[in-house]
Amino acid sequence: MSTSITRVTERTIVAVDLEDDGSIEIRTGGSSGYRETLTAEQARQLAAGLLELADESEKYFAETAAAAIAVTVHAAPIGTADVTACCGVLPWHLPSIDRITSTDSEVTCTWAATARAECA
């Protein structure tokens, strides 16, 4: 009664088999060839752990991707000033993804938020 799920990757073959005695055997290929026998409960715990790690991994990558593309909105220079009103940086020195606005409520520059909090 050998039911098998096999996944082939670039360097490793992983096989998970249900053995005749009801135990679950995990084998990895490659140069070391590792083999582990699990009870049904151990297999459930392993699967639950893998699912939890997969969820955490997805959350991490979603947060990392969002942070990587986060756009900072700076306050436009006031009057004849050459630098942003929020952090005093020349607009052409800002990261190319950043934006400039003349609407105070849209400013997300953290330097501006820190300065406003200190002045309050």
C-alpha atoms as a PDB file:
ATOM      1  CA  MET A   1       0.000   0.000   0.000  1.00  0.00           C
ATOM      2  CA  SER A   2       2.495   2.604  -1.097  1.00  0.00           C
ATOM      3  CA  THR A   3       0.810   5.934  -1.842  1.00  0.00           C
ATOM      4  CA  SER A   4       3.403   8.441  -2.879  1.00  0.00           C
ATOM      5  CA  ILE A   5       3.660  12.184  -3.360  1.00  0.00           C
ATOM      6  CA  THR A   6       6.896  13.146  -5.049  1.00  0.00           C
ATOM      7  CA  ARG A   7       8.305  16.578  -5.815  1.00  0.00           C
ATOM      8  CA  VAL A   8      11.344  17.003  -8.012  1.00  0.00           C
ATOM      9  CA  THR A   9      13.400  20.154  -7.585  1.00  0.00           C
ATOM     10  CA  GLU A  10      16.639  21.235  -9.159  1.00  0.00           C
ATOM     11  CA  ARG A  11      18.863  19.259  -6.791  1.00  0.00           C
ATOM     12  CA  THR A  12      16.641  17.249  -4.456  1.00  0.00           C
ATOM     13  CA  ILE A  13      13.907  14.641  -4.746  1.00  0.00           C
ATOM     14  CA  VAL A  14      11.503  14.549  -1.826  1.00  0.00           C
ATOM     15  CA  ALA A  15       9.181  11.570  -1.471  1.00  0.00           C
ATOM     16  CA  VAL A  16       6.467  11.099   1.109  1.00  0.00           C
ATOM     17  CA  ASP A  17       5.086   7.555   1.328  1.00  0.00           C
ATOM     18  CA  LEU A  18       2.389   5.892   3.379  1.00  0.00           C
ATOM     19  CA  GLU A  19       3.908   2.591   4.407  1.00  0.00           C
ATOM     20  CA  ASP A  20       2.094  -0.740   4.830  1.00  0.00           C
ATOM     21  CA  ASP A  21       2.314  -0.420   8.626  1.00  0.00           C
ATOM     22  CA  GLY A  22       0.531   2.978   8.509  1.00  0.00           C
ATOM     23  CA  SER A  23       3.661   5.005   9.200  1.00  0.00           C
ATOM     24  CA  ILE A  24       4.664   7.870   6.942  1.00  0.00           C
ATOM     25  CA  GLU A  25       8.138   7.919   5.488  1.00  0.00           C
ATOM     26  CA  ILE A  26       9.860  11.042   4.194  1.00  0.00           C
ATOM     27  CA  ARG A  27      12.911  10.636   1.943  1.00  0.00           C
ATOM     28  CA  THR A  28      15.188  13.228   0.453  1.00  0.00           C
ATOM     29  CA  GLY A  29      17.519  12.493  -2.393  1.00  0.00           C
ATOM     30  CA  GLY A  30      20.775  14.126  -3.229  1.00  0.00           C
ATOM     31  CA  SER A  31      24.169  13.157  -1.902  1.00  0.00           C
ATOM     32  CA  SER A  32      23.120  12.632   1.732  1.00  0.00           C
ATOM     33  CA  GLY A  33      19.826  10.718   1.200  1.00  0.00           C
ATOM     34  CA  TYR A  34      17.912  11.430   4.430  1.00  0.00           C
ATOM     35  CA  ARG A  35      15.018   9.216   5.618  1.00  0.00           C
ATOM     36  CA  GLU A  36      12.577   9.866   8.494  1.00  0.00           C
ATOM     37  CA  THR A  37       9.597   7.785   9.639  1.00  0.00           C
ATOM     38  CA  LEU A  38       6.692   9.642  11.249  1.00  0.00           C
ATOM     39  CA  THR A  39       3.497   8.663  12.995  1.00  0.00           C
ATOM     40  CA  ALA A  40       0.239  10.143  11.696  1.00  0.00           C
ATOM     41  CA  GLU A  41       0.253  12.703  14.536  1.00  0.00           C
ATOM     42  CA  GLN A  42       3.841  13.716  13.815  1.00  0.00           C
ATOM     43  CA  ALA A  43       2.939  14.147  10.140  1.00  0.00           C
ATOM     44  CA  ARG A  44      -0.025  16.375  11.123  1.00  0.00           C
ATOM     45  CA  GLN A  45       2.254  18.477  13.336  1.00  0.00           C
ATOM     46  CA  LEU A  46       4.784  18.768  10.524  1.00  0.00           C
ATOM     47  CA  ALA A  47       2.084  19.779   8.034  1.00  0.00           C
ATOM     48  CA  ALA A  48       0.629  22.330  10.469  1.00  0.00           C
ATOM     49  CA  GLY A  49       4.098  23.754  11.057  1.00  0.00           C
ATOM     50  CA  LEU A  50       4.788  23.999   7.329  1.00  0.00           C
ATOM     51  CA  LEU A  51       1.437  25.729   6.740  1.00  0.00           C
ATOM     52  CA  GLU A  52       2.150  28.190   9.549  1.00  0.00           C
ATOM     53  CA  LEU A  53       5.593  28.934   8.109  1.00  0.00           C
ATOM     54  CA  ALA A  54       4.093  29.376   4.638  1.00  0.00           C
ATOM     55  CA  ASP A  55       1.573  31.887   6.038  1.00  0.00           C
ATOM     56  CA  GLU A  56       4.328  33.788   7.835  1.00  0.00           C
ATOM     57  CA  SER A  57       6.461  33.740   4.687  1.00  0.00           C
ATOM     58  CA  GLU A  58       3.626  35.152   2.565  1.00  0.00           C
ATOM     59  CA  LYS A  59       2.992  37.882   5.143  1.00  0.00           C
ATOM     60  CA  TYR A  60       6.699  38.741   5.301  1.00  0.00           C
ATOM     61  CA  PHE A  61       7.044  38.994   1.527  1.00  0.00           C
ATOM     62  CA  ALA A  62       3.837  41.039   1.212  1.00  0.00           C
ATOM     63  CA  GLU A  63       5.053  43.487   3.876  1.00  0.00           C
ATOM     64  CA  THR A  64       8.540  43.621   2.356  1.00  0.00           C
ATOM     65  CA  ALA A  65       7.143  44.251  -1.133  1.00  0.00           C
ATOM     66  CA  ALA A  66       4.832  46.968   0.178  1.00  0.00           C
ATOM     67  CA  ALA A  67       7.721  48.644   2.005  1.00  0.00           C
ATOM     68  CA  ALA A  68       9.940  48.397  -1.073  1.00  0.00           C
ATOM     69  CA  ILE A  69       7.424  50.268  -3.194  1.00  0.00           C
ATOM     70  CA  ALA A  70       6.275  52.694  -0.507  1.00  0.00           C
ATOM     71  CA  VAL A  71       6.179  56.182  -1.951  1.00  0.00           C
ATOM     72  CA  THR A  72       7.100  59.115   0.255  1.00  0.00           C
ATOM     73  CA  VAL A  73       5.159  62.291  -0.469  1.00  0.00           C
ATOM     74  CA  HIS A  74       7.091  65.488   0.279  1.00  0.00           C
ATOM     75  CA  ALA A  75       5.828  69.029   0.824  1.00  0.00           C
ATOM     76  CA  ALA A  76       6.450  71.224  -2.211  1.00  0.00           C
ATOM     77  CA  PRO A  77       8.933  74.080  -1.897  1.00  0.00           C
ATOM     78  CA  ILE A  78       7.238  77.246  -0.636  1.00  0.00           C
ATOM     79  CA  GLY A  79       7.451  80.459  -2.645  1.00  0.00           C
ATOM     80  CA  THR A  80      10.863  80.844  -4.246  1.00  0.00           C
ATOM     81  CA  ALA A  81      12.540  78.164  -2.097  1.00  0.00           C
ATOM     82  CA  ASP A  82      14.484  75.449  -3.915  1.00  0.00           C
ATOM     83  CA  VAL A  83      14.106  72.739  -1.258  1.00  0.00           C
ATOM     84  CA  THR A  84      11.109  70.728  -0.059  1.00  0.00           C
ATOM     85  CA  ALA A  85       9.238  72.353   2.816  1.00  0.00           C
ATOM     86  CA  CYS A  86       9.211  69.107   4.818  1.00  0.00           C
ATOM     87  CA  CYS A  87      12.803  67.910   4.874  1.00  0.00           C
ATOM     88  CA  GLY A  88      14.797  70.604   3.103  1.00  0.00           C
ATOM     89  CA  VAL A  89      15.963  68.398   0.240  1.00  0.00           C
ATOM     90  CA  LEU A  90      16.355  69.574  -3.344  1.00  0.00           C
ATOM     91  CA  PRO A  91      13.569  67.911  -5.359  1.00  0.00           C
ATOM     92  CA  TRP A  92      16.021  66.395  -7.858  1.00  0.00           C
ATOM     93  CA  HIS A  93      17.853  64.706  -4.966  1.00  0.00           C
ATOM     94  CA  LEU A  94      14.743  62.805  -3.846  1.00  0.00           C
ATOM     95  CA  PRO A  95      14.342  59.135  -4.846  1.00  0.00           C
ATOM     96  CA  SER A  96      12.672  58.912  -8.258  1.00  0.00           C
ATOM     97  CA  ILE A  97       9.682  57.055  -6.791  1.00  0.00           C
ATOM     98  CA  ASP A  98       8.921  59.862  -4.278  1.00  0.00           C
ATOM     99  CA  ARG A  99       6.291  62.500  -5.000  1.00  0.00           C
ATOM    100  CA  ILE A 100       5.807  66.186  -4.139  1.00  0.00           C
ATOM    101  CA  THR A 101       2.509  67.796  -3.127  1.00  0.00           C
ATOM    102  CA  SER A 102       1.249  71.226  -2.115  1.00  0.00           C
ATOM    103  CA  THR A 103      -1.498  69.659   0.051  1.00  0.00           C
ATOM    104  CA  ASP A 104      -0.299  69.340   3.664  1.00  0.00           C
ATOM    105  CA  SER A 105      -2.590  66.400   4.487  1.00  0.00           C
ATOM    106  CA  GLU A 106      -0.976  64.295   1.730  1.00  0.00           C
ATOM    107  CA  VAL A 107       2.605  64.712   3.033  1.00  0.00           C
ATOM    108  CA  THR A 108       4.038  61.413   4.325  1.00  0.00           C
ATOM    109  CA  CYS A 109       7.680  62.449   4.691  1.00  0.00           C
ATOM    110  CA  THR A 110       8.695  61.015   8.083  1.00  0.00           C
ATOM    111  CA  TRP A 111      11.017  63.930   8.738  1.00  0.00           C
ATOM    112  CA  ALA A 112       7.985  66.228   8.441  1.00  0.00           C
ATOM    113  CA  ALA A 113       5.921  64.073  10.802  1.00  0.00           C
ATOM    114  CA  THR A 114       8.731  64.033  13.364  1.00  0.00           C
ATOM    115  CA  ALA A 115       9.221  67.796  13.108  1.00  0.00           C
ATOM    116  CA  ARG A 116       5.459  68.450  13.513  1.00  0.00           C
ATOM    117  CA  ALA A 117       5.312  66.194  16.595  1.00  0.00           C
ATOM    118  CA  GLU A 118       8.304  67.960  18.202  1.00  0.00           C
ATOM    119  CA  CYS A 119       6.804  71.403  17.563  1.00  0.00           C
ATOM    120  CA  ALA A 120       3.364  70.487  18.958  1.00  0.00           C
END
